Amino acid sequence: MFLADNWLWMALPVAVCGMLAIFIDVRFIIVAMMVLFIVLPMVLALLFFYYGLSPEARWSIMDKSVQIDENAITLDFTHERMTTHVIHRDDVRYIIEKDDVLMLMLRGKRYTCLMLPSSAIDPDVAQLLRQLVTQPH
């Protein structure tokens, strides 16, 4: 999702260096290669840790039971050190349904989501989730 939204910002420095290599000096190709193979992977690695170590990412992979009612989604974790978390229906921006996962996009950081496996979700529950979301996707 991040790459789909921000591909222009990643391609722009390489394109600018390519244009500078054509019109000014060929050595800008080396700068473009450094941007492409050194700078961009490091930026993407920082983003991976920023979003991959978020509490919501941890909630997505831990064993839990999910209860859905009219106002909220309650996550009750099986691990004894984790507390019960309540996600209010106003905190869910929209829902993305894929083949194997149901992604609840949450408010807060831009790419924050709670992933629930679609095999564990009853179609009636998915319909209830769609009704709970104030702004459907």
N, C-alpha and C. Protein backbone atom coordinates (compact mmCIF):
# COMPACT_ATOMS: atom_id res chain seq x y z
N MET A 1 0.83 -1.18 0.00
CA MET A 1 0.00 0.00 0.00
C MET A 1 0.87 1.25 0.00
N PHE A 2 1.97 1.21 0.77
CA PHE A 2 2.86 2.36 0.81
C PHE A 2 3.49 2.60 -0.56
N LEU A 3 3.93 1.54 -1.20
CA LEU A 3 4.56 1.69 -2.52
C LEU A 3 3.56 2.18 -3.56
N ALA A 4 2.33 1.74 -3.48
CA ALA A 4 1.32 2.20 -4.43
C ALA A 4 1.02 3.67 -4.25
N ASP A 5 1.07 4.17 -3.03
CA ASP A 5 0.78 5.57 -2.77
C ASP A 5 1.96 6.50 -3.02
N ASN A 6 3.19 5.99 -2.85
CA ASN A 6 4.36 6.86 -2.87
C ASN A 6 5.40 6.48 -3.92
N TRP A 7 5.01 5.78 -4.95
CA TRP A 7 5.98 5.37 -5.95
C TRP A 7 6.63 6.55 -6.65
N LEU A 8 5.90 7.64 -6.80
CA LEU A 8 6.45 8.81 -7.49
C LEU A 8 7.63 9.40 -6.72
N TRP A 9 7.52 9.45 -5.39
CA TRP A 9 8.61 10.02 -4.58
C TRP A 9 9.85 9.14 -4.60
N MET A 10 9.69 7.87 -4.91
CA MET A 10 10.86 6.99 -5.01
C MET A 10 11.46 7.01 -6.41
N ALA A 11 10.64 7.20 -7.41
CA ALA A 11 11.14 7.21 -8.78
C ALA A 11 11.69 8.57 -9.19
N LEU A 12 11.21 9.62 -8.55
CA LEU A 12 11.62 10.98 -8.92
C LEU A 12 13.12 11.24 -8.78
N PRO A 13 13.79 10.89 -7.66
CA PRO A 13 15.23 11.14 -7.59
C PRO A 13 16.03 10.39 -8.64
N VAL A 14 15.63 9.17 -8.93
CA VAL A 14 16.33 8.39 -9.96
C VAL A 14 16.11 9.02 -11.33
N ALA A 15 14.90 9.47 -11.61
CA ALA A 15 14.61 10.12 -12.89
C ALA A 15 15.37 11.44 -13.03
N VAL A 16 15.43 12.21 -11.95
CA VAL A 16 16.18 13.48 -12.00
C VAL A 16 17.65 13.23 -12.25
N CYS A 17 18.22 12.23 -11.56
CA CYS A 17 19.63 11.89 -11.80
C CYS A 17 19.84 11.38 -13.22
N GLY A 18 18.88 10.64 -13.76
CA GLY A 18 18.98 10.19 -15.14
C GLY A 18 18.96 11.34 -16.13
N MET A 19 18.09 12.32 -15.87
CA MET A 19 18.05 13.49 -16.75
C MET A 19 19.33 14.31 -16.64
N LEU A 20 19.85 14.46 -15.43
CA LEU A 20 21.12 15.18 -15.25
C LEU A 20 22.26 14.44 -15.93
N ALA A 21 22.21 13.11 -15.95
CA ALA A 21 23.25 12.33 -16.62
C ALA A 21 23.20 12.53 -18.13
N ILE A 22 22.01 12.68 -18.66
CA ILE A 22 21.88 12.88 -20.11
C ILE A 22 22.34 14.27 -20.51
N PHE A 23 21.95 15.30 -19.74
CA PHE A 23 22.20 16.67 -20.17
C PHE A 23 23.47 17.29 -19.58
N ILE A 24 23.94 16.82 -18.43
CA ILE A 24 25.09 17.49 -17.81
C ILE A 24 26.32 16.59 -17.78
N ASP A 25 26.23 15.50 -17.02
CA ASP A 25 27.41 14.65 -16.85
C ASP A 25 26.96 13.21 -16.63
N VAL A 26 27.71 12.29 -17.20
CA VAL A 26 27.37 10.87 -17.13
C VAL A 26 27.55 10.34 -15.72
N ARG A 27 28.33 11.00 -14.89
CA ARG A 27 28.57 10.52 -13.53
C ARG A 27 27.31 10.57 -12.67
N PHE A 28 26.30 11.29 -13.11
CA PHE A 28 25.04 11.28 -12.37
C PHE A 28 24.35 9.92 -12.41
N ILE A 29 24.74 9.08 -13.35
CA ILE A 29 24.22 7.70 -13.38
C ILE A 29 24.68 6.96 -12.13
N ILE A 30 25.91 7.21 -11.71
CA ILE A 30 26.42 6.59 -10.50
C ILE A 30 25.62 7.07 -9.28
N VAL A 31 25.30 8.36 -9.25
CA VAL A 31 24.48 8.90 -8.16
C VAL A 31 23.09 8.26 -8.18
N ALA A 32 22.53 8.10 -9.37
CA ALA A 32 21.21 7.46 -9.48
C ALA A 32 21.26 6.02 -8.99
N MET A 33 22.32 5.31 -9.31
CA MET A 33 22.46 3.93 -8.83
C MET A 33 22.62 3.89 -7.31
N MET A 34 23.35 4.85 -6.72
CA MET A 34 23.49 4.90 -5.26
C MET A 34 22.14 5.18 -4.60
N VAL A 35 21.37 6.09 -5.19
CA VAL A 35 20.04 6.38 -4.65
C VAL A 35 19.16 5.14 -4.75
N LEU A 36 19.22 4.46 -5.88
CA LEU A 36 18.37 3.30 -6.12
C LEU A 36 18.74 2.11 -5.25
N PHE A 37 20.02 1.85 -5.09
CA PHE A 37 20.44 0.62 -4.41
C PHE A 37 20.90 0.81 -2.96
N ILE A 38 21.08 2.05 -2.51
CA ILE A 38 21.52 2.27 -1.13
C ILE A 38 20.48 3.07 -0.35
N VAL A 39 20.09 4.23 -0.85
CA VAL A 39 19.22 5.12 -0.09
C VAL A 39 17.80 4.57 0.01
N LEU A 40 17.20 4.20 -1.11
CA LEU A 40 15.81 3.72 -1.08
C LEU A 40 15.63 2.45 -0.24
N PRO A 41 16.51 1.44 -0.33
CA PRO A 41 16.33 0.28 0.56
C PRO A 41 16.44 0.63 2.04
N MET A 42 17.31 1.59 2.38
CA MET A 42 17.43 1.97 3.79
C MET A 42 16.19 2.71 4.27
N VAL A 43 15.62 3.55 3.45
CA VAL A 43 14.38 4.24 3.81
C VAL A 43 13.25 3.23 3.96
N LEU A 44 13.17 2.28 3.04
CA LEU A 44 12.13 1.26 3.14
C LEU A 44 12.33 0.36 4.37
N ALA A 45 13.58 0.10 4.76
CA ALA A 45 13.84 -0.69 5.96
C ALA A 45 13.38 0.07 7.21
N LEU A 46 13.61 1.37 7.26
CA LEU A 46 13.13 2.17 8.39
C LEU A 46 11.60 2.15 8.45
N LEU A 47 10.95 2.26 7.31
CA LEU A 47 9.49 2.20 7.29
C LEU A 47 8.98 0.83 7.71
N PHE A 48 9.70 -0.22 7.31
CA PHE A 48 9.33 -1.57 7.71
C PHE A 48 9.34 -1.70 9.23
N PHE A 49 10.39 -1.21 9.88
CA PHE A 49 10.45 -1.29 11.34
C PHE A 49 9.43 -0.38 11.99
N TYR A 50 9.16 0.78 11.41
CA TYR A 50 8.19 1.71 11.98
C TYR A 50 6.80 1.10 12.00
N TYR A 51 6.39 0.52 10.89
CA TYR A 51 5.04 -0.05 10.82
C TYR A 51 5.02 -1.51 11.29
N GLY A 52 6.09 -2.25 11.09
CA GLY A 52 6.12 -3.66 11.46
C GLY A 52 6.19 -3.90 12.95
N LEU A 53 6.70 -2.93 13.70
CA LEU A 53 6.79 -3.08 15.15
C LEU A 53 5.72 -2.28 15.89
N SER A 54 4.71 -1.86 15.19
CA SER A 54 3.62 -1.12 15.82
C SER A 54 2.76 -2.09 16.64
N PRO A 55 2.04 -1.58 17.63
CA PRO A 55 1.18 -2.47 18.43
C PRO A 55 0.13 -3.18 17.58
N GLU A 56 -0.40 -2.51 16.57
CA GLU A 56 -1.42 -3.13 15.73
C GLU A 56 -0.87 -4.31 14.94
N ALA A 57 0.38 -4.23 14.50
CA ALA A 57 1.00 -5.36 13.80
C ALA A 57 1.18 -6.54 14.75
N ARG A 58 1.53 -6.25 16.00
CA ARG A 58 1.65 -7.31 16.99
C ARG A 58 0.29 -7.93 17.28
N TRP A 59 -0.75 -7.09 17.36
CA TRP A 59 -2.10 -7.61 17.59
C TRP A 59 -2.53 -8.53 16.45
N SER A 60 -2.09 -8.24 15.24
CA SER A 60 -2.51 -9.03 14.07
C SER A 60 -1.95 -10.44 14.10
N ILE A 61 -0.75 -10.62 14.66
CA ILE A 61 -0.12 -11.94 14.58
C ILE A 61 -0.28 -12.77 15.85
N MET A 62 -0.74 -12.15 16.93
CA MET A 62 -0.88 -12.91 18.19
C MET A 62 -2.18 -13.70 18.20
N ASP A 63 -2.18 -14.80 18.97
CA ASP A 63 -3.39 -15.60 19.14
C ASP A 63 -4.39 -14.80 19.96
N LYS A 64 -5.62 -14.76 19.46
CA LYS A 64 -6.64 -13.93 20.11
C LYS A 64 -8.02 -14.45 19.75
N SER A 65 -8.98 -13.99 20.52
CA SER A 65 -10.37 -14.18 20.15
C SER A 65 -10.96 -12.79 19.94
N VAL A 66 -11.80 -12.67 18.95
CA VAL A 66 -12.37 -11.37 18.57
C VAL A 66 -13.87 -11.42 18.82
N GLN A 67 -14.36 -10.42 19.54
CA GLN A 67 -15.79 -10.29 19.78
C GLN A 67 -16.25 -8.97 19.18
N ILE A 68 -17.32 -9.04 18.42
CA ILE A 68 -17.83 -7.85 17.74
C ILE A 68 -19.22 -7.56 18.27
N ASP A 69 -19.42 -6.33 18.70
CA ASP A 69 -20.76 -5.91 19.11
C ASP A 69 -21.10 -4.62 18.37
N GLU A 70 -22.14 -3.96 18.78
CA GLU A 70 -22.65 -2.77 18.08
C GLU A 70 -21.67 -1.62 18.06
N ASN A 71 -20.87 -1.45 19.12
CA ASN A 71 -20.04 -0.26 19.25
C ASN A 71 -18.55 -0.50 19.10
N ALA A 72 -18.09 -1.74 19.24
CA ALA A 72 -16.65 -1.95 19.27
C ALA A 72 -16.28 -3.37 18.88
N ILE A 73 -14.98 -3.53 18.65
CA ILE A 73 -14.37 -4.84 18.42
C ILE A 73 -13.44 -5.08 19.61
N THR A 74 -13.64 -6.19 20.31
CA THR A 74 -12.84 -6.50 21.48
C THR A 74 -11.87 -7.61 21.14
N LEU A 75 -10.58 -7.35 21.37
CA LEU A 75 -9.54 -8.34 21.14
C LEU A 75 -9.11 -8.89 22.50
N ASP A 76 -9.36 -10.18 22.71
CA ASP A 76 -8.98 -10.84 23.95
C ASP A 76 -7.86 -11.82 23.62
N PHE A 77 -6.64 -11.51 24.08
CA PHE A 77 -5.46 -12.29 23.72
C PHE A 77 -5.29 -13.48 24.66
N THR A 78 -4.74 -14.57 24.13
CA THR A 78 -4.52 -15.77 24.94
C THR A 78 -3.25 -15.66 25.78
N HIS A 79 -2.31 -14.82 25.38
CA HIS A 79 -1.07 -14.64 26.14
C HIS A 79 -1.36 -13.88 27.43
N GLU A 80 -0.79 -14.35 28.54
CA GLU A 80 -1.12 -13.77 29.84
C GLU A 80 -0.58 -12.36 30.03
N ARG A 81 0.43 -11.95 29.29
CA ARG A 81 0.99 -10.61 29.45
C ARG A 81 0.27 -9.55 28.63
N MET A 82 -0.59 -9.98 27.74
CA MET A 82 -1.34 -9.03 26.91
C MET A 82 -2.69 -8.73 27.56
N THR A 83 -3.07 -7.48 27.50
CA THR A 83 -4.37 -7.07 28.04
C THR A 83 -5.40 -7.08 26.92
N THR A 84 -6.64 -6.99 27.30
CA THR A 84 -7.73 -6.91 26.34
C THR A 84 -7.74 -5.52 25.72
N HIS A 85 -7.85 -5.46 24.40
CA HIS A 85 -7.90 -4.18 23.70
C HIS A 85 -9.27 -4.02 23.05
N VAL A 86 -9.78 -2.82 23.12
CA VAL A 86 -11.08 -2.50 22.52
C VAL A 86 -10.84 -1.49 21.40
N ILE A 87 -11.32 -1.82 20.21
CA ILE A 87 -11.24 -0.92 19.07
C ILE A 87 -12.65 -0.41 18.81
N HIS A 88 -12.87 0.86 19.04
CA HIS A 88 -14.19 1.44 18.85
C HIS A 88 -14.49 1.56 17.36
N ARG A 89 -15.74 1.57 17.03
CA ARG A 89 -16.12 1.58 15.61
C ARG A 89 -15.71 2.87 14.92
N ASP A 90 -15.54 3.95 15.66
CA ASP A 90 -15.07 5.20 15.06
C ASP A 90 -13.58 5.14 14.73
N ASP A 91 -12.85 4.19 15.32
CA ASP A 91 -11.42 4.07 15.04
C ASP A 91 -11.13 3.33 13.76
N VAL A 92 -12.12 2.66 13.18
CA VAL A 92 -11.93 1.94 11.92
C VAL A 92 -12.33 2.87 10.78
N ARG A 93 -11.35 3.18 9.91
CA ARG A 93 -11.64 4.07 8.78
C ARG A 93 -12.38 3.33 7.67
N TYR A 94 -11.82 2.19 7.26
CA TYR A 94 -12.49 1.38 6.23
C TYR A 94 -11.94 -0.04 6.28
N ILE A 95 -12.55 -0.91 5.49
CA ILE A 95 -12.20 -2.33 5.48
C ILE A 95 -11.75 -2.70 4.08
N ILE A 96 -10.65 -3.44 4.01
CA ILE A 96 -10.17 -3.98 2.74
C ILE A 96 -10.28 -5.49 2.83
N GLU A 97 -10.98 -6.09 1.88
CA GLU A 97 -11.13 -7.54 1.85
C GLU A 97 -10.25 -8.11 0.75
N LYS A 98 -9.35 -8.99 1.14
CA LYS A 98 -8.50 -9.72 0.20
C LYS A 98 -8.93 -11.18 0.21
N ASP A 99 -8.23 -12.02 -0.55
CA ASP A 99 -8.58 -13.43 -0.62
C ASP A 99 -8.45 -14.12 0.74
N ASP A 100 -7.36 -13.84 1.43
CA ASP A 100 -7.08 -14.58 2.66
C ASP A 100 -7.09 -13.75 3.92
N VAL A 101 -7.39 -12.45 3.82
CA VAL A 101 -7.32 -11.59 4.99
C VAL A 101 -8.35 -10.47 4.91
N LEU A 102 -8.81 -10.05 6.06
CA LEU A 102 -9.70 -8.90 6.18
C LEU A 102 -8.89 -7.83 6.93
N MET A 103 -8.64 -6.71 6.28
CA MET A 103 -7.81 -5.66 6.87
C MET A 103 -8.70 -4.53 7.35
N LEU A 104 -8.61 -4.22 8.63
CA LEU A 104 -9.33 -3.10 9.20
C LEU A 104 -8.35 -1.93 9.27
N MET A 105 -8.54 -0.94 8.43
CA MET A 105 -7.66 0.23 8.43
C MET A 105 -8.08 1.14 9.57
N LEU A 106 -7.15 1.39 10.49
CA LEU A 106 -7.45 2.12 11.71
C LEU A 106 -7.02 3.58 11.60
N ARG A 107 -7.63 4.40 12.41
CA ARG A 107 -7.24 5.81 12.49
C ARG A 107 -5.91 5.91 13.21
N GLY A 108 -5.26 7.04 13.02
CA GLY A 108 -3.95 7.24 13.64
C GLY A 108 -2.93 7.37 12.53
N LYS A 109 -1.93 6.51 12.57
CA LYS A 109 -0.93 6.53 11.51
C LYS A 109 -1.57 6.09 10.20
N ARG A 110 -1.01 6.51 9.11
CA ARG A 110 -1.67 6.35 7.82
C ARG A 110 -1.84 4.89 7.39
N TYR A 111 -0.86 4.07 7.60
CA TYR A 111 -0.93 2.68 7.13
C TYR A 111 -1.11 1.70 8.28
N THR A 112 -1.84 2.09 9.30
CA THR A 112 -2.09 1.23 10.45
C THR A 112 -3.29 0.35 10.16
N CYS A 113 -3.08 -0.96 10.27
CA CYS A 113 -4.20 -1.87 10.02
C CYS A 113 -4.14 -3.05 10.98
N LEU A 114 -5.29 -3.61 11.22
CA LEU A 114 -5.43 -4.84 11.99
C LEU A 114 -5.88 -5.91 11.00
N MET A 115 -5.10 -6.96 10.91
CA MET A 115 -5.40 -8.00 9.93
C MET A 115 -6.02 -9.20 10.63
N LEU A 116 -7.15 -9.63 10.10
CA LEU A 116 -7.84 -10.81 10.61
C LEU A 116 -7.95 -11.82 9.48
N PRO A 117 -7.59 -13.09 9.71
CA PRO A 117 -7.68 -14.07 8.62
C PRO A 117 -9.14 -14.29 8.21
N SER A 118 -9.37 -14.30 6.92
CA SER A 118 -10.74 -14.45 6.43
C SER A 118 -11.29 -15.85 6.69
N SER A 119 -10.41 -16.83 6.86
CA SER A 119 -10.89 -18.17 7.16
C SER A 119 -11.52 -18.26 8.55
N ALA A 120 -11.16 -17.33 9.42
CA ALA A 120 -11.70 -17.35 10.78
C ALA A 120 -12.90 -16.44 10.94
N ILE A 121 -13.28 -15.76 9.88
CA ILE A 121 -14.38 -14.80 9.97
C ILE A 121 -15.59 -15.33 9.23
N ASP A 122 -16.69 -15.41 9.91
CA ASP A 122 -17.95 -15.83 9.32
C ASP A 122 -18.44 -14.73 8.38
N PRO A 123 -19.03 -15.05 7.23
CA PRO A 123 -19.54 -14.01 6.34
C PRO A 123 -20.55 -13.07 7.00
N ASP A 124 -21.33 -13.58 7.95
CA ASP A 124 -22.27 -12.72 8.67
C ASP A 124 -21.52 -11.70 9.54
N VAL A 125 -20.42 -12.13 10.11
CA VAL A 125 -19.60 -11.23 10.92
C VAL A 125 -18.95 -10.17 10.03
N ALA A 126 -18.50 -10.57 8.85
CA ALA A 126 -17.92 -9.60 7.92
C ALA A 126 -18.96 -8.56 7.51
N GLN A 127 -20.19 -8.98 7.33
CA GLN A 127 -21.26 -8.05 7.00
C GLN A 127 -21.50 -7.09 8.17
N LEU A 128 -21.46 -7.59 9.40
CA LEU A 128 -21.61 -6.74 10.57
C LEU A 128 -20.46 -5.74 10.67
N LEU A 129 -19.25 -6.18 10.34
CA LEU A 129 -18.10 -5.27 10.35
C LEU A 129 -18.30 -4.14 9.34
N ARG A 130 -18.78 -4.48 8.17
CA ARG A 130 -19.02 -3.44 7.15
C ARG A 130 -20.06 -2.43 7.61
N GLN A 131 -21.05 -2.89 8.35
CA GLN A 131 -22.08 -1.99 8.86
C GLN A 131 -21.55 -1.10 9.97
N LEU A 132 -20.58 -1.60 10.74
CA LEU A 132 -20.02 -0.83 11.83
C LEU A 132 -19.16 0.34 11.35
N VAL A 133 -18.56 0.15 10.19
CA VAL A 133 -17.65 1.18 9.68
C VAL A 133 -18.45 2.38 9.20
N THR A 134 -18.07 3.56 9.64
CA THR A 134 -18.81 4.75 9.28
C THR A 134 -18.56 5.17 7.84
N GLN A 135 -17.36 4.92 7.33
CA GLN A 135 -17.04 5.28 5.95
C GLN A 135 -16.60 4.02 5.22
N PRO A 136 -17.48 3.35 4.48
CA PRO A 136 -17.10 2.11 3.81
C PRO A 136 -16.12 2.37 2.69
N HIS A 137 -15.32 1.36 2.39
CA HIS A 137 -14.32 1.46 1.31
C HIS A 137 -14.89 0.94 0.03
